[in-house]
PDB file of N, CA and C in Angstrom:
ATOM      1  N   MET A   1      13.637  -6.041  -2.576  1.00  0.00           N
ATOM      2  CA  MET A   1      12.807  -5.217  -3.425  1.00  0.00           C
ATOM      3  C   MET A   1      12.615  -3.855  -2.757  1.00  0.00           C
ATOM      4  N   GLY A   2      12.857  -2.800  -3.502  1.00  0.00           N
ATOM      5  CA  GLY A   2      12.694  -1.461  -2.971  1.00  0.00           C
ATOM      6  C   GLY A   2      11.281  -0.973  -3.197  1.00  0.00           C
ATOM      7  N   ASN A   3      11.165   0.324  -3.194  1.00  0.00           N
ATOM      8  CA  ASN A   3       9.871   0.955  -3.417  1.00  0.00           C
ATOM      9  C   ASN A   3       9.701   1.372  -4.872  1.00  0.00           C
ATOM     10  N   THR A   4      10.182   0.567  -5.781  1.00  0.00           N
ATOM     11  CA  THR A   4      10.071   0.866  -7.200  1.00  0.00           C
ATOM     12  C   THR A   4       8.613   0.737  -7.617  1.00  0.00           C
ATOM     13  N   PRO A   5       8.044   1.806  -8.197  1.00  0.00           N
ATOM     14  CA  PRO A   5       6.648   1.715  -8.629  1.00  0.00           C
ATOM     15  C   PRO A   5       6.526   0.803  -9.850  1.00  0.00           C
ATOM     16  N   PHE A   6       5.405   0.154  -9.935  1.00  0.00           N
ATOM     17  CA  PHE A   6       5.147  -0.680 -11.101  1.00  0.00           C
ATOM     18  C   PHE A   6       4.746   0.207 -12.259  1.00  0.00           C
ATOM     19  N   ILE A   7       5.248  -0.103 -13.416  1.00  0.00           N
ATOM     20  CA  ILE A   7       4.896   0.642 -14.624  1.00  0.00           C
ATOM     21  C   ILE A   7       3.866  -0.177 -15.390  1.00  0.00           C
ATOM     22  N   THR A   8       2.787   0.478 -15.775  1.00  0.00           N
ATOM     23  CA  THR A   8       1.743  -0.181 -16.542  1.00  0.00           C
ATOM     24  C   THR A   8       1.926   0.164 -18.010  1.00  0.00           C
ATOM     25  N   VAL A   9       2.002  -0.862 -18.843  1.00  0.00           N
ATOM     26  CA  VAL A   9       2.071  -0.663 -20.288  1.00  0.00           C
ATOM     27  C   VAL A   9       0.654  -0.502 -20.789  1.00  0.00           C
ATOM     28  N   ARG A  10       0.429   0.563 -21.546  1.00  0.00           N
ATOM     29  CA  ARG A  10      -0.888   0.809 -22.124  1.00  0.00           C
ATOM     30  C   ARG A  10      -0.816   0.564 -23.621  1.00  0.00           C
ATOM     31  N   ALA A  11      -1.686  -0.292 -24.124  1.00  0.00           N
ATOM     32  CA  ALA A  11      -1.711  -0.607 -25.550  1.00  0.00           C
ATOM     33  C   ALA A  11      -2.098   0.641 -26.341  1.00  0.00           C
ATOM     34  N   SER A  12      -1.469   0.829 -27.492  1.00  0.00           N
ATOM     35  CA  SER A  12      -1.764   1.989 -28.327  1.00  0.00           C
ATOM     36  C   SER A  12      -3.020   1.776 -29.171  1.00  0.00           C
ATOM     37  N   ARG A  13      -3.510   0.555 -29.173  1.00  0.00           N
ATOM     38  CA  ARG A  13      -4.732   0.215 -29.910  1.00  0.00           C
ATOM     39  C   ARG A  13      -5.406  -0.936 -29.165  1.00  0.00           C
ATOM     40  N   PRO A  14      -6.656  -1.235 -29.496  1.00  0.00           N
ATOM     41  CA  PRO A  14      -7.316  -2.355 -28.804  1.00  0.00           C
ATOM     42  C   PRO A  14      -6.534  -3.663 -28.976  1.00  0.00           C
ATOM     43  N   LEU A  15      -6.382  -4.384 -27.888  1.00  0.00           N
ATOM     44  CA  LEU A  15      -5.682  -5.673 -27.915  1.00  0.00           C
ATOM     45  C   LEU A  15      -6.623  -6.791 -28.328  1.00  0.00           C
ATOM     46  N   SER A  16      -6.065  -7.801 -28.958  1.00  0.00           N
ATOM     47  CA  SER A  16      -6.830  -9.009 -29.253  1.00  0.00           C
ATOM     48  C   SER A  16      -6.593 -10.020 -28.128  1.00  0.00           C
ATOM     49  N   GLU A  17      -7.421 -11.020 -28.104  1.00  0.00           N
ATOM     50  CA  GLU A  17      -7.255 -12.108 -27.130  1.00  0.00           C
ATOM     51  C   GLU A  17      -5.884 -12.761 -27.308  1.00  0.00           C
ATOM     52  N   ILE A  18      -5.470 -12.975 -28.542  1.00  0.00           N
ATOM     53  CA  ILE A  18      -4.179 -13.621 -28.831  1.00  0.00           C
ATOM     54  C   ILE A  18      -3.015 -12.761 -28.319  1.00  0.00           C
ATOM     55  N   GLU A  19      -3.093 -11.455 -28.531  1.00  0.00           N
ATOM     56  CA  GLU A  19      -2.033 -10.572 -28.045  1.00  0.00           C
ATOM     57  C   GLU A  19      -1.971 -10.591 -26.524  1.00  0.00           C
ATOM     58  N   PHE A  20      -3.125 -10.636 -25.882  1.00  0.00           N
ATOM     59  CA  PHE A  20      -3.167 -10.716 -24.433  1.00  0.00           C
ATOM     60  C   PHE A  20      -2.498 -12.005 -23.959  1.00  0.00           C
ATOM     61  N   CYS A  21      -2.826 -13.119 -24.598  1.00  0.00           N
ATOM     62  CA  CYS A  21      -2.225 -14.410 -24.222  1.00  0.00           C
ATOM     63  C   CYS A  21      -0.711 -14.379 -24.407  1.00  0.00           C
ATOM     64  N   ALA A  22      -0.250 -13.764 -25.495  1.00  0.00           N
ATOM     65  CA  ALA A  22       1.193 -13.658 -25.739  1.00  0.00           C
ATOM     66  C   ALA A  22       1.853 -12.859 -24.617  1.00  0.00           C
ATOM     67  N   TRP A  23       1.203 -11.786 -24.188  1.00  0.00           N
ATOM     68  CA  TRP A  23       1.757 -11.000 -23.091  1.00  0.00           C
ATOM     69  C   TRP A  23       1.815 -11.829 -21.814  1.00  0.00           C
ATOM     70  N   VAL A  24       0.741 -12.532 -21.492  1.00  0.00           N
ATOM     71  CA  VAL A  24       0.705 -13.353 -20.276  1.00  0.00           C
ATOM     72  C   VAL A  24       1.837 -14.380 -20.300  1.00  0.00           C
ATOM     73  N   ALA A  25       2.065 -14.989 -21.451  1.00  0.00           N
ATOM     74  CA  ALA A  25       3.081 -16.036 -21.565  1.00  0.00           C
ATOM     75  C   ALA A  25       4.489 -15.516 -21.306  1.00  0.00           C
ATOM     76  N   GLN A  26       4.763 -14.266 -21.693  1.00  0.00           N
ATOM     77  CA  GLN A  26       6.126 -13.749 -21.550  1.00  0.00           C
ATOM     78  C   GLN A  26       6.305 -12.765 -20.399  1.00  0.00           C
ATOM     79  N   ALA A  27       5.234 -12.371 -19.732  1.00  0.00           N
ATOM     80  CA  ALA A  27       5.314 -11.351 -18.690  1.00  0.00           C
ATOM     81  C   ALA A  27       6.073 -11.851 -17.469  1.00  0.00           C
ATOM     82  N   ALA A  28       6.875 -10.963 -16.919  1.00  0.00           N
ATOM     83  CA  ALA A  28       7.580 -11.248 -15.666  1.00  0.00           C
ATOM     84  C   ALA A  28       6.678 -10.852 -14.504  1.00  0.00           C
ATOM     85  N   PRO A  29       6.825 -11.495 -13.357  1.00  0.00           N
ATOM     86  CA  PRO A  29       6.009 -11.116 -12.204  1.00  0.00           C
ATOM     87  C   PRO A  29       6.109  -9.614 -11.934  1.00  0.00           C
ATOM     88  N   GLY A  30       4.944  -8.979 -11.757  1.00  0.00           N
ATOM     89  CA  GLY A  30       4.894  -7.547 -11.501  1.00  0.00           C
ATOM     90  C   GLY A  30       4.653  -6.712 -12.748  1.00  0.00           C
ATOM     91  N   ASP A  31       4.900  -7.278 -13.932  1.00  0.00           N
ATOM     92  CA  ASP A  31       4.582  -6.551 -15.162  1.00  0.00           C
ATOM     93  C   ASP A  31       3.096  -6.259 -15.188  1.00  0.00           C
ATOM     94  N   ARG A  32       2.727  -5.098 -15.702  1.00  0.00           N
ATOM     95  CA  ARG A  32       1.323  -4.693 -15.750  1.00  0.00           C
ATOM     96  C   ARG A  32       0.962  -4.275 -17.164  1.00  0.00           C
ATOM     97  N   LEU A  33      -0.208  -4.703 -17.611  1.00  0.00           N
ATOM     98  CA  LEU A  33      -0.700  -4.368 -18.946  1.00  0.00           C
ATOM     99  C   LEU A  33      -2.118  -3.834 -18.832  1.00  0.00           C
ATOM    100  N   GLU A  34      -2.343  -2.643 -19.356  1.00  0.00           N
ATOM    101  CA  GLU A  34      -3.704  -2.123 -19.453  1.00  0.00           C
ATOM    102  C   GLU A  34      -4.299  -2.714 -20.726  1.00  0.00           C
ATOM    103  N   TYR A  35      -5.255  -3.618 -20.568  1.00  0.00           N
ATOM    104  CA  TYR A  35      -5.806  -4.305 -21.724  1.00  0.00           C
ATOM    105  C   TYR A  35      -7.093  -3.676 -22.247  1.00  0.00           C
ATOM    106  N   HIS A  36      -7.694  -2.774 -21.478  1.00  0.00           N
ATOM    107  CA  HIS A  36      -8.879  -2.060 -21.958  1.00  0.00           C
ATOM    108  C   HIS A  36      -9.049  -0.787 -21.155  1.00  0.00           C
ATOM    109  N   ARG A  37      -9.593   0.227 -21.801  1.00  0.00           N
ATOM    110  CA  ARG A  37      -9.951   1.473 -21.118  1.00  0.00           C
ATOM    111  C   ARG A  37     -11.361   1.815 -21.555  1.00  0.00           C
ATOM    112  N   GLY A  38     -12.249   1.953 -20.592  1.00  0.00           N
ATOM    113  CA  GLY A  38     -13.649   2.242 -20.855  1.00  0.00           C
ATOM    114  C   GLY A  38     -14.486   1.725 -19.700  1.00  0.00           C
ATOM    115  N   PHE A  39     -15.616   1.131 -20.028  1.00  0.00           N
ATOM    116  CA  PHE A  39     -16.505   0.512 -19.043  1.00  0.00           C
ATOM    117  C   PHE A  39     -16.872  -0.835 -19.648  1.00  0.00           C
ATOM    118  N   LEU A  40     -16.062  -1.845 -19.352  1.00  0.00           N
ATOM    119  CA  LEU A  40     -16.095  -3.125 -20.054  1.00  0.00           C
ATOM    120  C   LEU A  40     -17.483  -3.728 -20.184  1.00  0.00           C
ATOM    121  N   VAL A  41     -18.213  -3.803 -19.090  1.00  0.00           N
ATOM    122  CA  VAL A  41     -19.524  -4.459 -19.137  1.00  0.00           C
ATOM    123  C   VAL A  41     -20.472  -3.715 -20.079  1.00  0.00           C
ATOM    124  N   LEU A  42     -20.361  -2.408 -20.157  1.00  0.00           N
ATOM    125  CA  LEU A  42     -21.209  -1.645 -21.076  1.00  0.00           C
ATOM    126  C   LEU A  42     -20.653  -1.671 -22.499  1.00  0.00           C
ATOM    127  N   ASP A  43     -19.347  -1.687 -22.624  1.00  0.00           N
ATOM    128  CA  ASP A  43     -18.723  -1.687 -23.946  1.00  0.00           C
ATOM    129  C   ASP A  43     -19.022  -2.961 -24.724  1.00  0.00           C
ATOM    130  N   ILE A  44     -19.276  -4.068 -24.027  1.00  0.00           N
ATOM    131  CA  ILE A  44     -19.581  -5.322 -24.731  1.00  0.00           C
ATOM    132  C   ILE A  44     -21.084  -5.597 -24.837  1.00  0.00           C
ATOM    133  N   PHE A  45     -21.895  -4.706 -24.304  1.00  0.00           N
ATOM    134  CA  PHE A  45     -23.344  -4.891 -24.335  1.00  0.00           C
ATOM    135  C   PHE A  45     -23.868  -4.488 -25.711  1.00  0.00           C
ATOM    136  N   PRO A  46     -24.459  -5.432 -26.470  1.00  0.00           N
ATOM    137  CA  PRO A  46     -24.845  -5.161 -27.861  1.00  0.00           C
ATOM    138  C   PRO A  46     -25.874  -4.046 -28.032  1.00  0.00           C
ATOM    139  N   MET A  47     -26.761  -3.860 -27.095  1.00  0.00           N
ATOM    140  CA  MET A  47     -27.827  -2.882 -27.261  1.00  0.00           C
ATOM    141  C   MET A  47     -27.336  -1.431 -27.190  1.00  0.00           C
ATOM    142  N   LEU A  48     -26.135  -1.214 -26.679  1.00  0.00           N
ATOM    143  CA  LEU A  48     -25.642   0.150 -26.528  1.00  0.00           C
ATOM    144  C   LEU A  48     -24.898   0.658 -27.766  1.00  0.00           C
ATOM    145  N   ASP A  49     -24.516  -0.226 -28.654  1.00  0.00           N
ATOM    146  CA  ASP A  49     -23.834   0.154 -29.896  1.00  0.00           C
ATOM    147  C   ASP A  49     -22.610   1.044 -29.660  1.00  0.00           C
ATOM    148  N   ARG A  50     -21.858   0.781 -28.608  1.00  0.00           N
ATOM    149  CA  ARG A  50     -20.632   1.552 -28.355  1.00  0.00           C
ATOM    150  C   ARG A  50     -19.540   1.151 -29.338  1.00  0.00           C
ATOM    151  N   LEU A  51     -19.558  -0.105 -29.757  1.00  0.00           N
ATOM    152  CA  LEU A  51     -18.544  -0.638 -30.666  1.00  0.00           C
ATOM    153  C   LEU A  51     -19.221  -1.380 -31.807  1.00  0.00           C
ATOM    154  N   ALA A  52     -18.487  -1.535 -32.903  1.00  0.00           N
ATOM    155  CA  ALA A  52     -18.965  -2.364 -34.005  1.00  0.00           C
ATOM    156  C   ALA A  52     -19.033  -3.810 -33.517  1.00  0.00           C
ATOM    157  N   ASP A  53     -19.869  -4.621 -34.153  1.00  0.00           N
ATOM    158  CA  ASP A  53     -20.058  -6.010 -33.721  1.00  0.00           C
ATOM    159  C   ASP A  53     -18.733  -6.755 -33.561  1.00  0.00           C
ATOM    160  N   ARG A  54     -17.866  -6.658 -34.539  1.00  0.00           N
ATOM    161  CA  ARG A  54     -16.599  -7.403 -34.504  1.00  0.00           C
ATOM    162  C   ARG A  54     -15.720  -6.933 -33.342  1.00  0.00           C
ATOM    163  N   GLU A  55     -15.635  -5.624 -33.141  1.00  0.00           N
ATOM    164  CA  GLU A  55     -14.838  -5.088 -32.031  1.00  0.00           C
ATOM    165  C   GLU A  55     -15.422  -5.509 -30.688  1.00  0.00           C
ATOM    166  N   ARG A  56     -16.733  -5.493 -30.581  1.00  0.00           N
ATOM    167  CA  ARG A  56     -17.400  -5.879 -29.336  1.00  0.00           C
ATOM    168  C   ARG A  56     -17.146  -7.353 -29.038  1.00  0.00           C
ATOM    169  N   GLU A  57     -17.223  -8.199 -30.056  1.00  0.00           N
ATOM    170  CA  GLU A  57     -16.988  -9.632 -29.863  1.00  0.00           C
ATOM    171  C   GLU A  57     -15.542  -9.900 -29.439  1.00  0.00           C
ATOM    172  N   GLU A  58     -14.596  -9.191 -30.056  1.00  0.00           N
ATOM    173  CA  GLU A  58     -13.188  -9.370 -29.689  1.00  0.00           C
ATOM    174  C   GLU A  58     -12.947  -8.891 -28.263  1.00  0.00           C
ATOM    175  N   LEU A  59     -13.556  -7.779 -27.889  1.00  0.00           N
ATOM    176  CA  LEU A  59     -13.414  -7.271 -26.526  1.00  0.00           C
ATOM    177  C   LEU A  59     -14.019  -8.243 -25.520  1.00  0.00           C
ATOM    178  N   ALA A  60     -15.129  -8.847 -25.853  1.00  0.00           N
ATOM    179  CA  ALA A  60     -15.748  -9.842 -24.966  1.00  0.00           C
ATOM    180  C   ALA A  60     -14.812 -11.040 -24.788  1.00  0.00           C
ATOM    181  N   ARG A  61     -14.180 -11.490 -25.881  1.00  0.00           N
ATOM    182  CA  ARG A  61     -13.214 -12.607 -25.780  1.00  0.00           C
ATOM    183  C   ARG A  61     -12.022 -12.200 -24.912  1.00  0.00           C
ATOM    184  N   LEU A  62     -11.544 -10.969 -25.108  1.00  0.00           N
ATOM    185  CA  LEU A  62     -10.418 -10.476 -24.322  1.00  0.00           C
ATOM    186  C   LEU A  62     -10.772 -10.430 -22.840  1.00  0.00           C
ATOM    187  N   GLY A  63     -11.936  -9.896 -22.509  1.00  0.00           N
ATOM    188  CA  GLY A  63     -12.361  -9.834 -21.112  1.00  0.00           C
ATOM    189  C   GLY A  63     -12.490 -11.219 -20.493  1.00  0.00           C
ATOM    190  N   SER A  64     -13.054 -12.145 -21.256  1.00  0.00           N
ATOM    191  CA  SER A  64     -13.185 -13.527 -20.765  1.00  0.00           C
ATOM    192  C   SER A  64     -11.820 -14.173 -20.556  1.00  0.00           C
ATOM    193  N   ARG A  65     -10.903 -13.923 -21.482  1.00  0.00           N
ATOM    194  CA  ARG A  65      -9.559 -14.511 -21.365  1.00  0.00           C
ATOM    195  C   ARG A  65      -8.817 -13.915 -20.168  1.00  0.00           C
ATOM    196  N   ALA A  66      -8.987 -12.628 -19.927  1.00  0.00           N
ATOM    197  CA  ALA A  66      -8.342 -12.009 -18.768  1.00  0.00           C
ATOM    198  C   ALA A  66      -8.865 -12.656 -17.480  1.00  0.00           C
ATOM    199  N   PHE A  67     -10.173 -12.860 -17.403  1.00  0.00           N
ATOM    200  CA  PHE A  67     -10.764 -13.501 -16.229  1.00  0.00           C
ATOM    201  C   PHE A  67     -10.235 -14.925 -16.085  1.00  0.00           C
ATOM    202  N   TRP A  68     -10.134 -15.646 -17.191  1.00  0.00           N
ATOM    203  CA  TRP A  68      -9.602 -17.011 -17.188  1.00  0.00           C
ATOM    204  C   TRP A  68      -8.167 -17.016 -16.659  1.00  0.00           C
ATOM    205  N   ALA A  69      -7.347 -16.064 -17.148  1.00  0.00           N
ATOM    206  CA  ALA A  69      -5.949 -15.997 -16.711  1.00  0.00           C
ATOM    207  C   ALA A  69      -5.873 -15.749 -15.199  1.00  0.00           C
ATOM    208  N   ALA A  70      -6.781 -14.940 -14.684  1.00  0.00           N
ATOM    209  CA  ALA A  70      -6.823 -14.709 -13.244  1.00  0.00           C
ATOM    210  C   ALA A  70      -7.213 -15.978 -12.502  1.00  0.00           C
ATOM    211  N   GLU A  71      -8.189 -16.704 -13.024  1.00  0.00           N
ATOM    212  CA  GLU A  71      -8.600 -17.964 -12.390  1.00  0.00           C
ATOM    213  C   GLU A  71      -7.470 -18.990 -12.389  1.00  0.00           C
ATOM    214  N   GLN A  72      -6.596 -18.946 -13.392  1.00  0.00           N
ATOM    215  CA  GLN A  72      -5.467 -19.874 -13.483  1.00  0.00           C
ATOM    216  C   GLN A  72      -4.293 -19.449 -12.603  1.00  0.00           C
ATOM    217  N   GLY A  73      -4.417 -18.299 -11.966  1.00  0.00           N
ATOM    218  CA  GLY A  73      -3.351 -17.802 -11.109  1.00  0.00           C
ATOM    219  C   GLY A  73      -2.211 -17.141 -11.869  1.00  0.00           C
ATOM    220  N   LEU A  74      -2.459 -16.749 -13.116  1.00  0.00           N
ATOM    221  CA  LEU A  74      -1.412 -16.154 -13.943  1.00  0.00           C
ATOM    222  C   LEU A  74      -1.328 -14.637 -13.792  1.00  0.00           C
ATOM    223  N   VAL A  75      -2.454 -14.001 -13.467  1.00  0.00           N
ATOM    224  CA  VAL A  75      -2.493 -12.539 -13.329  1.00  0.00           C
ATOM    225  C   VAL A  75      -3.437 -12.153 -12.195  1.00  0.00           C
ATOM    226  N   HIS A  76      -3.246 -10.955 -11.702  1.00  0.00           N
ATOM    227  CA  HIS A  76      -4.226 -10.282 -10.858  1.00  0.00           C
ATOM    228  C   HIS A  76      -4.933  -9.295 -11.769  1.00  0.00           C
ATOM    229  N   LEU A  77      -6.220  -9.122 -11.611  1.00  0.00           N
ATOM    230  CA  LEU A  77      -6.949  -8.128 -12.387  1.00  0.00           C
ATOM    231  C   LEU A  77      -7.271  -6.938 -11.499  1.00  0.00           C
ATOM    232  N   VAL A  78      -7.018  -5.758 -12.029  1.00  0.00           N
ATOM    233  CA  VAL A  78      -7.188  -4.514 -11.287  1.00  0.00           C
ATOM    234  C   VAL A  78      -7.958  -3.537 -12.159  1.00  0.00           C
ATOM    235  N   GLN A  79      -8.810  -2.756 -11.527  1.00  0.00           N
ATOM    236  CA  GLN A  79      -9.487  -1.655 -12.220  1.00  0.00           C
ATOM    237  C   GLN A  79      -9.075  -0.367 -11.531  1.00  0.00           C
ATOM    238  N   GLU A  80      -8.726   0.633 -12.339  1.00  0.00           N
ATOM    239  CA  GLU A  80      -8.426   1.952 -11.805  1.00  0.00           C
ATOM    240  C   GLU A  80      -9.368   2.943 -12.457  1.00  0.00           C
ATOM    241  N   ARG A  81     -10.047   3.738 -11.653  1.00  0.00           N
ATOM    242  CA  ARG A  81     -10.961   4.749 -12.188  1.00  0.00           C
ATOM    243  C   ARG A  81     -10.123   5.851 -12.833  1.00  0.00           C
ATOM    244  N   VAL A  82     -10.448   6.179 -14.088  1.00  0.00           N
ATOM    245  CA  VAL A  82      -9.741   7.252 -14.790  1.00  0.00           C
ATOM    246  C   VAL A  82     -10.670   8.423 -15.109  1.00  0.00           C
ATOM    247  N   GLY A  83     -11.955   8.274 -14.794  1.00  0.00           N
ATOM    248  CA  GLY A  83     -12.930   9.328 -15.013  1.00  0.00           C
ATOM    249  C   GLY A  83     -14.315   8.807 -14.703  1.00  0.00           C
ATOM    250  N   PRO A  84     -15.317   9.656 -14.864  1.00  0.00           N
ATOM    251  CA  PRO A  84     -16.689   9.197 -14.625  1.00  0.00           C
ATOM    252  C   PRO A  84     -17.048   8.060 -15.596  1.00  0.00           C
ATOM    253  N   ASP A  85     -17.471   6.935 -15.050  1.00  0.00           N
ATOM    254  CA  ASP A  85     -17.850   5.755 -15.848  1.00  0.00           C
ATOM    255  C   ASP A  85     -16.755   5.322 -16.816  1.00  0.00           C
ATOM    256  N   ARG A  86     -15.493   5.503 -16.428  1.00  0.00           N
ATOM    257  CA  ARG A  86     -14.366   5.124 -17.276  1.00  0.00           C
ATOM    258  C   ARG A  86     -13.275   4.533 -16.381  1.00  0.00           C
ATOM    259  N   PHE A  87     -12.794   3.353 -16.780  1.00  0.00           N
ATOM    260  CA  PHE A  87     -11.817   2.627 -15.986  1.00  0.00           C
ATOM    261  C   PHE A  87     -10.681   2.126 -16.867  1.00  0.00           C
ATOM    262  N   ALA A  88      -9.514   1.975 -16.252  1.00  0.00           N
ATOM    263  CA  ALA A  88      -8.400   1.273 -16.876  1.00  0.00           C
ATOM    264  C   ALA A  88      -8.455  -0.154 -16.328  1.00  0.00           C
ATOM    265  N   TYR A  89      -8.510  -1.132 -17.214  1.00  0.00           N
ATOM    266  CA  TYR A  89      -8.537  -2.541 -16.827  1.00  0.00           C
ATOM    267  C   TYR A  89      -7.114  -3.067 -16.990  1.00  0.00           C
ATOM    268  N   ILE A  90      -6.536  -3.515 -15.884  1.00  0.00           N
ATOM    269  CA  ILE A  90      -5.117  -3.855 -15.851  1.00  0.00           C
ATOM    270  C   ILE A  90      -4.930  -5.301 -15.403  1.00  0.00           C
ATOM    271  N   ALA A  91      -4.043  -5.990 -16.114  1.00  0.00           N
ATOM    272  CA  ALA A  91      -3.611  -7.323 -15.702  1.00  0.00           C
ATOM    273  C   ALA A  91      -2.198  -7.178 -15.142  1.00  0.00           C
ATOM    274  N   ALA A  92      -1.987  -7.669 -13.938  1.00  0.00           N
ATOM    275  CA  ALA A  92      -0.666  -7.663 -13.309  1.00  0.00           C
ATOM    276  C   ALA A  92      -0.175  -9.103 -13.246  1.00  0.00           C
ATOM    277  N   ALA A  93       0.962  -9.348 -13.874  1.00  0.00           N
ATOM    278  CA  ALA A  93       1.490 -10.717 -13.948  1.00  0.00           C
ATOM    279  C   ALA A  93       1.899 -11.217 -12.571  1.00  0.00           C
ATOM    280  N   ARG A  94       1.525 -12.445 -12.308  1.00  0.00           N
ATOM    281  CA  ARG A  94       1.910 -13.118 -11.067  1.00  0.00           C
ATOM    282  C   ARG A  94       3.051 -14.075 -11.391  1.00  0.00           C
ATOM    283  N   PRO A  95       3.770 -14.530 -10.377  1.00  0.00           N
ATOM    284  CA  PRO A  95       4.767 -15.577 -10.641  1.00  0.00           C
ATOM    285  C   PRO A  95       4.061 -16.791 -11.246  1.00  0.00           C
ATOM    286  N   LYS A  96       4.714 -17.399 -12.189  1.00  0.00           N
ATOM    287  CA  LYS A  96       4.120 -18.579 -12.827  1.00  0.00           C
ATOM    288  C   LYS A  96       3.985 -19.681 -11.780  1.00  0.00           C
ATOM    289  N   PRO A  97       2.827 -20.374 -11.760  1.00  0.00           N
ATOM    290  CA  PRO A  97       2.627 -21.453 -10.785  1.00  0.00           C
ATOM    291  C   PRO A  97       3.703 -22.527 -10.930  1.00  0.00           C
ATOM    292  N   LYS A  98       4.244 -22.966  -9.804  1.00  0.00           N
ATOM    293  CA  LYS A  98       5.306 -23.986  -9.810  1.00  0.00           C
ATOM    294  C   LYS A  98       4.806 -25.304 -10.393  1.00  0.00           C
ATOM    295  N   HIS A  99       3.548 -25.629 -10.088  1.00  0.00           N
ATOM    296  CA  HIS A  99       3.008 -26.909 -10.551  1.00  0.00           C
ATOM    297  C   HIS A  99       2.686 -26.892 -12.038  1.00  0.00           C
ATOM    298  N   ALA A 100       2.738 -25.753 -12.654  1.00  0.00           N
ATOM    299  CA  ALA A 100       2.332 -25.638 -14.065  1.00  0.00           C
ATOM    300  C   ALA A 100       3.517 -25.930 -14.966  1.00  0.00           C
ATOM    301  N   ALA A 101       3.778 -27.194 -15.171  1.00  0.00           N
ATOM    302  CA  ALA A 101       4.823 -27.582 -16.106  1.00  0.00           C
ATOM    303  C   ALA A 101       4.339 -27.355 -17.535  1.00  0.00           C
ATOM    304  N   ALA A 102       3.037 -27.341 -17.703  1.00  0.00           N
ATOM    305  CA  ALA A 102       2.468 -27.129 -19.026  1.00  0.00           C
ATOM    306  C   ALA A 102       2.600 -25.662 -19.415  1.00  0.00           C
ATOM    307  N   SER A 103       2.758 -25.430 -20.698  1.00  0.00           N
ATOM    308  CA  SER A 103       2.861 -24.063 -21.191  1.00  0.00           C
ATOM    309  C   SER A 103       1.470 -23.442 -21.279  1.00  0.00           C
ATOM    310  N   LEU A 104       1.439 -22.134 -21.480  1.00  0.00           N
ATOM    311  CA  LEU A 104       0.172 -21.445 -21.669  1.00  0.00           C
ATOM    312  C   LEU A 104      -0.560 -22.025 -22.873  1.00  0.00           C
ATOM    313  N   SER A 105       0.179 -22.354 -23.914  1.00  0.00           N
ATOM    314  CA  SER A 105      -0.439 -22.942 -25.111  1.00  0.00           C
ATOM    315  C   SER A 105      -1.163 -24.244 -24.773  1.00  0.00           C
ATOM    316  N   ALA A 106      -0.539 -25.075 -23.950  1.00  0.00           N
ATOM    317  CA  ALA A 106      -1.171 -26.330 -23.551  1.00  0.00           C
ATOM    318  C   ALA A 106      -2.437 -26.075 -22.741  1.00  0.00           C
ATOM    319  N   LEU A 107      -2.392 -25.087 -21.841  1.00  0.00           N
ATOM    320  CA  LEU A 107      -3.580 -24.751 -21.049  1.00  0.00           C
ATOM    321  C   LEU A 107      -4.717 -24.271 -21.950  1.00  0.00           C
ATOM    322  N   LEU A 108      -4.387 -23.464 -22.943  1.00  0.00           N
ATOM    323  CA  LEU A 108      -5.415 -22.949 -23.868  1.00  0.00           C
ATOM    324  C   LEU A 108      -6.015 -24.082 -24.694  1.00  0.00           C
ATOM    325  N   LEU A 109      -5.182 -24.994 -25.159  1.00  0.00           N
ATOM    326  CA  LEU A 109      -5.693 -26.128 -25.938  1.00  0.00           C
ATOM    327  C   LEU A 109      -6.574 -27.022 -25.078  1.00  0.00           C
ATOM    328  N   GLU A 110      -6.149 -27.242 -23.844  1.00  0.00           N
ATOM    329  CA  GLU A 110      -6.929 -28.059 -22.913  1.00  0.00           C
ATOM    330  C   GLU A 110      -8.306 -27.434 -22.674  1.00  0.00           C
ATOM    331  N   GLU A 111      -8.346 -26.128 -22.506  1.00  0.00           N
ATOM    332  CA  GLU A 111      -9.616 -25.442 -22.280  1.00  0.00           C
ATOM    333  C   GLU A 111     -10.507 -25.550 -23.518  1.00  0.00           C
ATOM    334  N   ARG A 112      -9.943 -25.382 -24.687  1.00  0.00           N
ATOM    335  CA  ARG A 112     -10.721 -25.422 -25.921  1.00  0.00           C
ATOM    336  C   ARG A 112     -11.348 -26.804 -26.144  1.00  0.00           C
ATOM    337  N   GLU A 113     -10.637 -27.860 -25.750  1.00  0.00           N
ATOM    338  CA  GLU A 113     -11.139 -29.220 -25.918  1.00  0.00           C
ATOM    339  C   GLU A 113     -12.249 -29.560 -24.927  1.00  0.00           C
ATOM    340  N   ALA A 114     -12.289 -28.841 -23.806  1.00  0.00           N
ATOM    341  CA  ALA A 114     -13.278 -29.130 -22.760  1.00  0.00           C
ATOM    342  C   ALA A 114     -14.664 -28.645 -23.137  1.00  0.00           C
TER     343      ALA A 114
END
């Protein structure tokens, strides 16, 4: 491996939880996806009215799913400051766990049943 910089794909519109999962399932190790730009904890806080209810709820699901994917060893989560109180939230794909014979779909179904 040389000194090739990683390229981060930035979504042209807000991503859904399902789109994020699809990316995780097909991402090669080292692939990077910017899944949100803003200040996530404030953007999902209902009292601030930064987003409409539906958008805020979807963003909260997306943030939770990104954290879940990190806990499963599927991605690293990175924040890059892009301005005052503004961050790029990036998921970097990790090599798929060797012990994970189950697909991402199976892991998601297992979690939902729990």
